[in-house]
Amino acid sequence: MIFLLGLVDALTHEMLLFAAIGFLIGGIDDLSIDLIHGWHLLRDRISGPRRPRIALSQLPVPADPSMIAVFVPAWDESQVIGPMLSGALARFDQSRYRIYVGVYPNDPATMGAVTAIARTDLRVRPVVVDRPGPTTKAHCLNQLWAALLADQAAGNDPAGLIVLHDAEDWVHPGELAVYAHHIGRYDVVQIPVLPLVHPTSPFVSGHYADEFSEAHLKSLPVRERLGAGLPLAGVGCAIRFSMLVAIATARGGKPFDEDSLTEDYELGLAIHRLGGRGALVRMAERPGGPLVAVRAYFPDTIDAAVRQKARWITGIALAGWDRTGWSRARQWQDHWMRMRDRRTLIAVMVLAAAYLALLGWGMGRVGHWLAGVPVPATDPWIAWLMPINAVLLGWRLIVRALHVRAHYGWGQALLSAPRAIVGNFIALLATRRALFAYFRLLRGARLHWDKTAHHFPVAPDRATR
């Protein structure tokens, strides 16, 4: 009994020390981003924002707007693609656009839904992918790119920019105007993505709202300020046509890398590597009004969220690390940001150690009480690290809640703290799945589109701002 207690105490001590050091490093990393963001907010308040704060209602009407091509890859999306296309056609307030929808020959339900709308509106262009699905999302996007080039060669209006969307997106009426206004200054423009909180799944679907609020209100603006590559969200983003041509030229004619699970993330880094400028544009509909943003339901079950997060981890932190390495420019900003993108694996190890240490601590206390043996004294290093980490954790939860409040109000902000536990649990399961998927890729497994089922909102949640 005494031997087992000693073993539990030793293992608990090592795991607790490892977790405490890991939490300290991660906390300092996050705090650094907070301080940089806070400094720029203060400087903007004193000297004025670096970009003029203009609302959608104040944008000038372009004299000769360029044609906009909207790419929507769709595999097994028969439940949502019809409402998405109908809504986009009804809401987009630009006149010169065309929606290219990629469908698969072995997905007749999705193909039928798209074709039915295309028969009544020539702005929808179905593109049948050259082989059965699921392929990768990048392969589908390359098929849309080829169709666009073919249309232009046949005499159709040339596109000035390409917009990326998913089949479940609730598009904003004014987003095309925002892209058109900024694309002359930037090579790629990203607008915020605001996940809708599903009423039956406030914790699983809601944790996406927490993560995207913090990413698109703080993390991405910091990356942009530092001059690091700006990864794209894959939706709500527009790329200048000439930039995609440059990327396609460098990749043998295909701008989207078909060997990637996270082609949107890598596309943003590729644009930066070629010297392109990117911007996250947060524009209100009117002064003091809600944001021009993409809204969509994200996975609302544990299983679906784990699958999606596993794909992100595999594509960014595992296979993506192999593919993109570190910044060739050797800029510390890019190295730091890529390290943050890939720290998920270490963070999950730290989380697992912390939860195991908590379990060991409870077992040890019960064991010492039953055996009548005094509890060992706390390691001075752990005693020093614990309160520091508690302060950093409290700061992290407060900062996240404030960012969630800015988009969703105080009700969702107060839920962000317990949702952090849900997010940790999903991350643990997703990392395990990602590791197995990565090992299969190393053994030659074929990439495919591991997508999740989607829901389309009847109306956008105007609780988002």
Protein backbone atom coordinates (compact mmCIF):
# COMPACT_ATOMS: atom_id res chain seq x y z
CA MET A 1 0.00 0.00 0.00
CA ILE A 2 2.75 2.41 0.95
CA PHE A 3 4.68 1.55 -2.20
CA LEU A 4 1.63 2.19 -4.39
CA LEU A 5 0.98 5.50 -2.61
CA GLY A 6 4.58 6.52 -3.21
CA LEU A 7 4.29 5.63 -6.91
CA VAL A 8 1.05 7.61 -7.29
CA ASP A 9 2.63 10.59 -5.51
CA ALA A 10 5.72 10.49 -7.73
CA LEU A 11 3.75 10.21 -10.97
CA THR A 12 1.36 12.93 -9.87
CA HIS A 13 4.25 15.22 -9.01
CA GLU A 14 5.94 14.77 -12.40
CA MET A 15 2.74 15.25 -14.37
CA LEU A 16 1.78 18.27 -12.29
CA LEU A 17 5.19 19.88 -12.75
CA PHE A 18 5.12 19.21 -16.50
CA ALA A 19 1.61 20.66 -16.77
CA ALA A 20 2.47 23.70 -14.64
CA ILE A 21 5.50 24.56 -16.78
CA GLY A 22 3.49 23.98 -19.97
CA PHE A 23 0.64 26.20 -18.78
CA LEU A 24 3.13 28.91 -17.83
CA ILE A 25 4.73 28.92 -21.30
CA GLY A 26 1.36 28.89 -23.04
CA GLY A 27 0.01 31.58 -20.75
CA ILE A 28 2.96 33.87 -21.42
CA ASP A 29 2.55 33.24 -25.16
CA ASP A 30 -1.14 34.22 -25.03
CA LEU A 31 -0.42 37.18 -22.77
CA SER A 32 2.12 38.48 -25.30
CA ILE A 33 -0.57 38.52 -27.99
CA ASP A 34 -2.94 40.30 -25.61
CA LEU A 35 -0.35 42.96 -24.81
CA ILE A 36 0.48 43.58 -28.47
CA HIS A 37 -3.21 43.85 -29.29
CA GLY A 38 -3.83 46.17 -26.35
CA TRP A 39 -0.89 48.38 -27.33
CA HIS A 40 -2.21 48.80 -30.88
CA LEU A 41 -5.71 49.54 -29.63
CA LEU A 42 -4.29 52.24 -27.35
CA ARG A 43 -2.17 53.71 -30.15
CA ASP A 44 -5.16 53.76 -32.50
CA ARG A 45 -7.18 55.57 -29.88
CA ILE A 46 -4.47 58.19 -29.44
CA SER A 47 -3.28 58.71 -33.01
CA GLY A 48 -6.21 57.34 -35.00
CA PRO A 49 -6.72 53.95 -36.70
CA ARG A 50 -4.31 52.94 -39.45
CA ARG A 51 -7.27 52.12 -41.73
CA PRO A 52 -10.11 54.65 -41.98
CA ARG A 53 -13.16 53.46 -40.11
CA ILE A 54 -15.84 53.46 -42.76
CA ALA A 55 -19.17 51.64 -42.71
CA LEU A 56 -20.73 49.68 -45.54
CA SER A 57 -23.39 52.35 -45.95
CA GLN A 58 -20.64 54.92 -46.55
CA LEU A 59 -18.80 53.05 -49.31
CA PRO A 60 -18.71 54.82 -52.67
CA VAL A 61 -20.42 53.09 -55.57
CA PRO A 62 -17.74 51.84 -58.01
CA ALA A 63 -18.06 53.27 -61.51
CA ASP A 64 -17.12 50.02 -63.26
CA PRO A 65 -17.19 47.09 -60.83
CA SER A 66 -15.22 44.00 -61.73
CA MET A 67 -16.96 40.68 -62.16
CA ILE A 68 -16.72 38.56 -59.01
CA ALA A 69 -16.50 34.77 -59.12
CA VAL A 70 -17.79 32.98 -56.02
CA PHE A 71 -16.45 29.45 -55.57
CA VAL A 72 -18.61 26.98 -53.61
CA PRO A 73 -17.33 23.37 -53.42
CA ALA A 74 -20.17 20.98 -52.62
CA TRP A 75 -19.85 17.30 -51.79
CA ASP A 76 -22.91 15.66 -50.22
CA GLU A 77 -24.56 19.02 -49.51
CA SER A 78 -28.07 18.41 -50.88
CA GLN A 79 -29.65 19.52 -47.59
CA VAL A 80 -28.10 22.99 -47.58
CA ILE A 81 -26.86 23.96 -51.05
CA GLY A 82 -30.31 24.93 -52.38
CA PRO A 83 -31.16 27.35 -49.56
CA MET A 84 -27.60 28.70 -49.59
CA LEU A 85 -27.67 29.52 -53.31
CA SER A 86 -31.21 30.92 -53.20
CA GLY A 87 -30.28 33.10 -50.25
CA ALA A 88 -27.08 34.34 -51.87
CA LEU A 89 -28.88 35.23 -55.11
CA ALA A 90 -31.51 37.11 -53.15
CA ARG A 91 -29.15 38.94 -50.83
CA PHE A 92 -25.96 39.84 -52.72
CA ASP A 93 -26.28 43.52 -53.57
CA GLN A 94 -23.70 43.51 -56.39
CA SER A 95 -24.87 42.97 -59.93
CA ARG A 96 -21.76 41.49 -61.55
CA TYR A 97 -21.06 38.15 -59.96
CA ARG A 98 -21.29 34.47 -60.82
CA ILE A 99 -21.43 31.53 -58.40
CA TYR A 100 -19.41 28.49 -59.47
CA VAL A 101 -20.58 25.37 -57.64
CA GLY A 102 -18.51 22.18 -57.74
CA VAL A 103 -20.64 19.01 -57.76
CA TYR A 104 -19.69 15.35 -58.14
CA PRO A 105 -20.97 12.77 -60.65
CA ASN A 106 -21.72 10.30 -57.85
CA ASP A 107 -23.70 12.84 -55.80
CA PRO A 108 -26.92 13.21 -57.81
CA ALA A 109 -28.89 14.80 -54.96
CA THR A 110 -26.53 17.78 -54.66
CA MET A 111 -26.16 17.99 -58.44
CA GLY A 112 -29.93 18.08 -58.84
CA ALA A 113 -30.39 20.82 -56.25
CA VAL A 114 -27.76 23.01 -57.94
CA THR A 115 -29.02 22.32 -61.46
CA ALA A 116 -32.58 23.23 -60.51
CA ILE A 117 -31.48 26.70 -59.41
CA ALA A 118 -29.09 27.13 -62.36
CA ARG A 119 -31.98 26.58 -64.79
CA THR A 120 -33.72 29.68 -63.44
CA ASP A 121 -30.69 31.91 -62.81
CA LEU A 122 -27.68 32.04 -65.10
CA ARG A 123 -25.56 33.49 -62.30
CA VAL A 124 -25.23 29.94 -60.93
CA ARG A 125 -22.71 27.83 -62.86
CA PRO A 126 -22.66 24.10 -61.96
CA VAL A 127 -19.27 22.46 -62.53
CA VAL A 128 -19.14 18.66 -62.54
CA VAL A 129 -15.88 17.46 -60.99
CA ASP A 130 -13.81 15.20 -63.22
CA ARG A 131 -13.91 12.18 -60.91
CA PRO A 132 -16.20 10.70 -58.25
CA GLY A 133 -16.14 12.14 -54.77
CA PRO A 134 -15.08 12.65 -52.23
CA THR A 135 -11.84 14.09 -53.48
CA THR A 136 -10.15 16.88 -51.55
CA LYS A 137 -11.76 20.28 -51.24
CA ALA A 138 -8.73 21.77 -53.02
CA HIS A 139 -9.31 19.45 -55.99
CA CYS A 140 -12.90 20.65 -56.25
CA LEU A 141 -11.75 24.29 -56.08
CA ASN A 142 -9.24 23.68 -58.86
CA GLN A 143 -12.08 22.35 -61.01
CA LEU A 144 -13.94 25.61 -60.41
CA TRP A 145 -10.80 27.57 -61.31
CA ALA A 146 -10.50 25.67 -64.59
CA ALA A 147 -14.17 26.36 -65.38
CA LEU A 148 -13.66 30.07 -64.72
CA LEU A 149 -10.67 30.21 -67.05
CA ALA A 150 -12.64 28.33 -69.72
CA ASP A 151 -15.53 30.78 -69.43
CA GLN A 152 -13.17 33.73 -69.77
CA ALA A 153 -11.50 32.16 -72.79
CA ALA A 154 -14.96 31.79 -74.34
CA GLY A 155 -15.55 35.52 -74.03
CA ASN A 156 -17.25 35.92 -70.65
CA ASP A 157 -16.39 38.88 -68.46
CA PRO A 158 -13.00 38.43 -66.73
CA ALA A 159 -13.13 38.11 -62.96
CA GLY A 160 -11.30 40.66 -60.87
CA LEU A 161 -11.45 38.60 -57.70
CA ILE A 162 -12.47 35.17 -56.45
CA VAL A 163 -14.54 34.71 -53.29
CA LEU A 164 -14.55 31.44 -51.32
CA HIS A 165 -17.63 30.13 -49.55
CA ASP A 166 -18.96 26.86 -48.18
CA ALA A 167 -22.31 25.31 -48.93
CA GLU A 168 -23.70 26.06 -45.45
CA ASP A 169 -22.77 29.77 -45.30
CA TRP A 170 -25.27 32.54 -44.67
CA VAL A 171 -23.69 35.19 -46.84
CA HIS A 172 -23.89 38.88 -46.02
CA PRO A 173 -25.63 41.13 -48.57
CA GLY A 174 -22.82 43.67 -48.55
CA GLU A 175 -19.77 41.44 -48.45
CA LEU A 176 -19.06 41.64 -52.19
CA ALA A 177 -18.97 45.43 -51.91
CA VAL A 178 -16.47 45.16 -49.05
CA TYR A 179 -14.20 42.89 -51.09
CA ALA A 180 -14.44 45.09 -54.17
CA HIS A 181 -13.59 48.20 -52.14
CA HIS A 182 -10.46 46.70 -50.54
CA ILE A 183 -9.10 44.34 -53.17
CA GLY A 184 -7.39 47.18 -55.03
CA ARG A 185 -5.20 47.79 -51.99
CA TYR A 186 -4.80 44.19 -50.85
CA ASP A 187 -4.27 40.87 -52.60
CA VAL A 188 -6.52 38.97 -50.20
CA VAL A 189 -9.30 40.17 -47.91
CA GLN A 190 -10.86 38.18 -45.07
CA ILE A 191 -14.03 39.27 -43.30
CA PRO A 192 -15.01 37.90 -39.86
CA VAL A 193 -16.64 34.50 -39.52
CA LEU A 194 -19.26 34.39 -36.76
CA PRO A 195 -20.41 30.85 -35.93
CA LEU A 196 -24.07 30.63 -34.99
CA VAL A 197 -24.77 29.05 -31.61
CA HIS A 198 -27.19 26.17 -32.19
CA PRO A 199 -30.08 26.43 -29.68
CA THR A 200 -29.91 22.71 -28.89
CA SER A 201 -26.12 22.67 -28.50
CA PRO A 202 -24.97 25.82 -26.69
CA PHE A 203 -21.74 24.22 -25.47
CA VAL A 204 -20.42 22.24 -28.45
CA SER A 205 -21.50 24.64 -31.19
CA GLY A 206 -20.92 27.58 -28.86
CA HIS A 207 -17.24 26.86 -28.29
CA TYR A 208 -16.66 27.69 -31.99
CA ALA A 209 -18.19 31.11 -31.35
CA ASP A 210 -15.68 31.65 -28.53
CA GLU A 211 -12.67 30.60 -30.61
CA PHE A 212 -13.59 32.57 -33.73
CA SER A 213 -14.45 35.67 -31.70
CA GLU A 214 -10.99 35.74 -30.20
CA ALA A 215 -9.27 34.81 -33.46
CA HIS A 216 -11.00 37.38 -35.66
CA LEU A 217 -11.05 40.19 -33.11
CA LYS A 218 -7.51 39.78 -31.76
CA SER A 219 -5.23 37.03 -33.08
CA LEU A 220 -5.54 37.70 -36.81
CA PRO A 221 -5.28 41.49 -36.40
CA VAL A 222 -2.07 40.94 -34.40
CA ARG A 223 -0.66 38.74 -37.17
CA GLU A 224 -1.48 41.42 -39.70
CA ARG A 225 0.09 44.14 -37.54
CA LEU A 226 3.27 42.10 -37.15
CA GLY A 227 3.51 41.48 -40.90
CA ALA A 228 3.14 37.70 -40.59
CA GLY A 229 1.29 35.53 -43.08
CA LEU A 230 -2.49 35.72 -42.71
CA PRO A 231 -4.13 32.27 -42.89
CA LEU A 232 -7.57 32.24 -44.48
CA ALA A 233 -10.73 30.82 -42.96
CA GLY A 234 -11.76 29.24 -46.27
CA VAL A 235 -15.02 31.23 -46.28
CA GLY A 236 -15.67 34.95 -46.36
CA CYS A 237 -12.42 35.65 -48.16
CA ALA A 238 -11.60 37.19 -51.54
CA ILE A 239 -8.39 36.81 -53.53
CA ARG A 240 -7.28 39.03 -56.35
CA PHE A 241 -7.47 37.16 -59.67
CA SER A 242 -3.89 38.09 -60.62
CA MET A 243 -2.62 36.67 -57.32
CA LEU A 244 -4.31 33.33 -57.95
CA VAL A 245 -2.80 33.34 -61.42
CA ALA A 246 0.66 33.82 -59.87
CA ILE A 247 0.08 30.95 -57.43
CA ALA A 248 -1.30 28.73 -60.18
CA THR A 249 1.74 29.46 -62.34
CA ALA A 250 4.04 28.40 -59.51
CA ARG A 251 2.03 25.19 -58.97
CA GLY A 252 1.68 23.97 -62.53
CA GLY A 253 -1.66 25.64 -63.24
CA LYS A 254 -3.54 24.75 -60.03
CA PRO A 255 -3.79 27.49 -57.39
CA PHE A 256 -5.18 25.19 -54.68
CA ASP A 257 -2.88 22.44 -53.43
CA GLU A 258 -4.70 19.13 -53.79
CA ASP A 259 -2.31 17.39 -51.39
CA SER A 260 -3.45 19.61 -48.51
CA LEU A 261 -6.21 19.01 -45.98
CA THR A 262 -6.25 22.73 -45.07
CA GLU A 263 -5.82 24.45 -48.42
CA ASP A 264 -7.28 27.71 -47.08
CA TYR A 265 -4.65 27.97 -44.32
CA GLU A 266 -1.81 27.24 -46.74
CA LEU A 267 -3.19 29.58 -49.40
CA GLY A 268 -2.88 32.54 -47.04
CA LEU A 269 0.74 31.63 -46.31
CA ALA A 270 1.46 31.18 -50.04
CA ILE A 271 0.12 34.65 -50.81
CA HIS A 272 2.35 36.11 -48.11
CA ARG A 273 5.35 34.19 -49.42
CA LEU A 274 4.82 35.74 -52.87
CA GLY A 275 4.78 39.22 -51.36
CA GLY A 276 1.01 39.65 -51.39
CA ARG A 277 -0.74 41.81 -48.84
CA GLY A 278 -3.62 40.51 -46.77
CA ALA A 279 -6.11 42.17 -44.45
CA LEU A 280 -8.83 41.17 -42.02
CA VAL A 281 -11.54 43.78 -42.62
CA ARG A 282 -14.01 44.41 -39.82
CA MET A 283 -16.61 46.73 -41.34
CA ALA A 284 -19.96 47.60 -39.83
CA GLU A 285 -23.12 47.72 -41.92
CA ARG A 286 -23.62 51.27 -40.68
CA PRO A 287 -21.91 53.34 -37.98
CA GLY A 288 -22.46 51.45 -34.74
CA GLY A 289 -24.28 48.61 -36.52
CA PRO A 290 -23.57 44.87 -36.86
CA LEU A 291 -20.55 43.60 -38.72
CA VAL A 292 -20.39 42.52 -42.32
CA ALA A 293 -19.58 38.88 -41.60
CA VAL A 294 -20.21 35.29 -42.65
CA ARG A 295 -22.54 33.37 -40.37
CA ALA A 296 -22.93 29.60 -40.31
CA TYR A 297 -23.70 26.68 -38.05
CA PHE A 298 -20.63 24.70 -37.06
CA PRO A 299 -20.77 21.10 -35.76
CA ASP A 300 -23.16 20.73 -32.84
CA THR A 301 -22.22 17.22 -31.66
CA ILE A 302 -19.05 15.93 -30.03
CA ASP A 303 -18.40 13.42 -32.80
CA ALA A 304 -18.77 15.95 -35.61
CA ALA A 305 -16.66 18.53 -33.80
CA VAL A 306 -13.91 15.98 -33.15
CA ARG A 307 -13.84 15.02 -36.83
CA GLN A 308 -13.59 18.62 -37.96
CA LYS A 309 -10.96 19.59 -35.40
CA ALA A 310 -8.96 16.46 -36.25
CA ARG A 311 -8.83 17.52 -39.90
CA TRP A 312 -7.61 20.98 -38.87
CA ILE A 313 -4.94 19.53 -36.57
CA THR A 314 -3.78 17.05 -39.21
CA GLY A 315 -3.66 19.70 -41.92
CA ILE A 316 -1.95 22.44 -39.89
CA ALA A 317 0.01 20.90 -37.04
CA LEU A 318 1.06 17.56 -38.57
CA ALA A 319 0.96 17.15 -42.36
CA GLY A 320 0.96 20.92 -42.77
CA TRP A 321 4.17 21.21 -40.78
CA ASP A 322 5.79 18.69 -43.13
CA ARG A 323 4.52 20.62 -46.14
CA THR A 324 5.11 24.27 -45.22
CA GLY A 325 7.94 24.04 -42.70
CA TRP A 326 9.00 27.40 -41.33
CA SER A 327 9.08 30.77 -43.05
CA ARG A 328 11.77 30.92 -45.71
CA ALA A 329 12.15 34.63 -45.01
CA ARG A 330 13.31 33.67 -41.51
CA GLN A 331 11.23 36.44 -39.97
CA TRP A 332 10.64 36.00 -36.26
CA GLN A 333 7.01 37.08 -36.68
CA ASP A 334 6.23 34.22 -39.05
CA HIS A 335 8.15 31.71 -36.95
CA TRP A 336 6.22 32.76 -33.86
CA MET A 337 2.83 32.61 -35.55
CA ARG A 338 3.51 29.21 -37.12
CA MET A 339 4.64 27.94 -33.74
CA ARG A 340 1.32 29.12 -32.30
CA ASP A 341 -0.55 27.37 -35.12
CA ARG A 342 1.26 24.11 -34.34
CA ARG A 343 1.31 24.23 -30.58
CA THR A 344 -1.92 22.23 -30.37
CA LEU A 345 -0.04 18.95 -30.01
CA ILE A 346 2.00 20.18 -27.07
CA ALA A 347 -1.00 21.93 -25.55
CA VAL A 348 -2.99 18.69 -25.62
CA MET A 349 -0.12 16.83 -23.94
CA VAL A 350 -0.10 19.49 -21.23
CA LEU A 351 -3.87 19.23 -20.82
CA ALA A 352 -3.74 15.45 -20.58
CA ALA A 353 -0.99 15.65 -17.96
CA ALA A 354 -3.01 18.18 -15.97
CA TYR A 355 -6.16 16.04 -15.96
CA LEU A 356 -4.16 12.92 -15.03
CA ALA A 357 -2.41 14.87 -12.28
CA LEU A 358 -5.78 16.00 -10.94
CA LEU A 359 -6.96 12.40 -10.92
CA GLY A 360 -3.74 11.25 -9.25
CA TRP A 361 -4.00 14.02 -6.66
CA GLY A 362 -7.52 12.87 -5.71
CA MET A 363 -6.52 9.22 -5.56
CA GLY A 364 -3.45 10.07 -3.50
CA ARG A 365 -5.42 12.08 -0.97
CA VAL A 366 -7.92 9.28 -0.50
CA GLY A 367 -5.14 6.71 -0.26
CA HIS A 368 -3.21 8.69 2.36
CA TRP A 369 -6.39 9.13 4.40
CA LEU A 370 -7.18 5.41 4.30
CA ALA A 371 -3.60 4.42 5.16
CA GLY A 372 -3.24 7.07 7.83
CA VAL A 373 -0.07 8.35 6.19
CA PRO A 374 0.66 12.09 6.07
CA VAL A 375 0.43 13.80 2.67
CA PRO A 376 3.87 14.81 1.26
CA ALA A 377 4.77 18.48 1.30
CA THR A 378 4.09 20.42 -1.91
CA ASP A 379 7.07 20.93 -4.19
CA PRO A 380 8.19 24.60 -3.84
CA TRP A 381 8.36 24.98 -7.62
CA ILE A 382 4.80 23.78 -8.01
CA ALA A 383 3.67 25.96 -5.13
CA TRP A 384 5.24 28.94 -6.95
CA LEU A 385 3.84 28.07 -10.39
CA MET A 386 0.25 27.29 -9.38
CA PRO A 387 -0.84 30.82 -8.36
CA ILE A 388 0.89 32.34 -11.39
CA ASN A 389 -0.94 29.93 -13.68
CA ALA A 390 -4.20 30.61 -11.87
CA VAL A 391 -3.80 34.33 -12.58
CA LEU A 392 -2.93 33.66 -16.24
CA LEU A 393 -5.93 31.34 -16.58
CA GLY A 394 -8.25 33.89 -15.02
CA TRP A 395 -6.90 36.56 -17.37
CA ARG A 396 -7.36 34.22 -20.35
CA LEU A 397 -11.00 33.50 -19.47
CA ILE A 398 -11.77 37.19 -18.93
CA VAL A 399 -10.17 38.21 -22.22
CA ARG A 400 -12.08 35.53 -24.10
CA ALA A 401 -15.35 36.52 -22.45
CA LEU A 402 -14.83 40.15 -23.47
CA HIS A 403 -14.23 39.16 -27.08
CA VAL A 404 -17.32 36.93 -27.09
CA ARG A 405 -19.37 39.75 -25.56
CA ALA A 406 -18.33 42.06 -28.42
CA HIS A 407 -19.96 39.69 -30.92
CA TYR A 408 -22.68 37.84 -29.01
CA GLY A 409 -23.50 39.78 -25.84
CA TRP A 410 -23.06 38.97 -22.17
CA GLY A 411 -25.20 35.81 -22.20
CA GLN A 412 -22.81 33.92 -24.46
CA ALA A 413 -19.80 35.59 -22.86
CA LEU A 414 -20.65 34.07 -19.47
CA LEU A 415 -20.91 30.63 -21.09
CA SER A 416 -17.44 30.92 -22.61
CA ALA A 417 -15.73 29.83 -19.36
CA PRO A 418 -17.48 26.44 -19.00
CA ARG A 419 -17.25 26.01 -22.77
CA ALA A 420 -13.47 26.14 -22.43
CA ILE A 421 -13.67 22.76 -20.68
CA VAL A 422 -15.76 21.39 -23.55
CA GLY A 423 -13.21 22.74 -26.02
CA ASN A 424 -10.39 21.03 -24.14
CA PHE A 425 -12.22 17.70 -24.19
CA ILE A 426 -12.87 17.99 -27.94
CA ALA A 427 -9.21 18.92 -28.52
CA LEU A 428 -8.03 15.82 -26.64
CA LEU A 429 -10.21 13.50 -28.71
CA ALA A 430 -9.43 15.33 -31.97
CA THR A 431 -5.68 15.10 -31.42
CA ARG A 432 -5.91 11.36 -30.92
CA ARG A 433 -7.90 11.04 -34.16
CA ALA A 434 -5.49 13.38 -35.97
CA LEU A 435 -2.46 11.33 -34.97
CA PHE A 436 -4.01 8.14 -36.34
CA ALA A 437 -4.98 9.95 -39.55
CA TYR A 438 -1.45 11.33 -39.91
CA PHE A 439 0.12 7.89 -39.47
CA ARG A 440 -2.21 6.58 -42.19
CA LEU A 441 -1.06 9.38 -44.50
CA LEU A 442 2.57 8.50 -43.81
CA ARG A 443 1.75 4.94 -44.89
CA GLY A 444 0.31 6.18 -48.19
CA ALA A 445 -3.38 6.58 -47.43
CA ARG A 446 -5.34 8.63 -49.97
CA LEU A 447 -6.50 12.11 -48.99
CA HIS A 448 -10.25 12.62 -49.06
CA TRP A 449 -12.80 15.17 -47.95
CA ASP A 450 -13.67 14.16 -44.37
CA LYS A 451 -16.55 16.59 -44.07
CA THR A 452 -19.34 16.82 -41.52
CA ALA A 453 -23.09 17.18 -42.02
CA HIS A 454 -24.29 20.78 -42.14
CA HIS A 455 -27.39 22.73 -41.18
CA PHE A 456 -28.58 25.89 -42.87
CA PRO A 457 -30.13 28.61 -40.70
CA VAL A 458 -33.68 29.74 -41.43
CA ALA A 459 -32.52 33.26 -40.58
CA PRO A 460 -29.19 34.61 -39.31
CA ASP A 461 -28.80 34.94 -35.59
CA ARG A 462 -28.85 38.70 -35.15
CA ALA A 463 -27.55 38.26 -31.62
CA THR A 464 -24.19 38.34 -33.36
CA ARG A 465 -22.97 41.85 -33.92
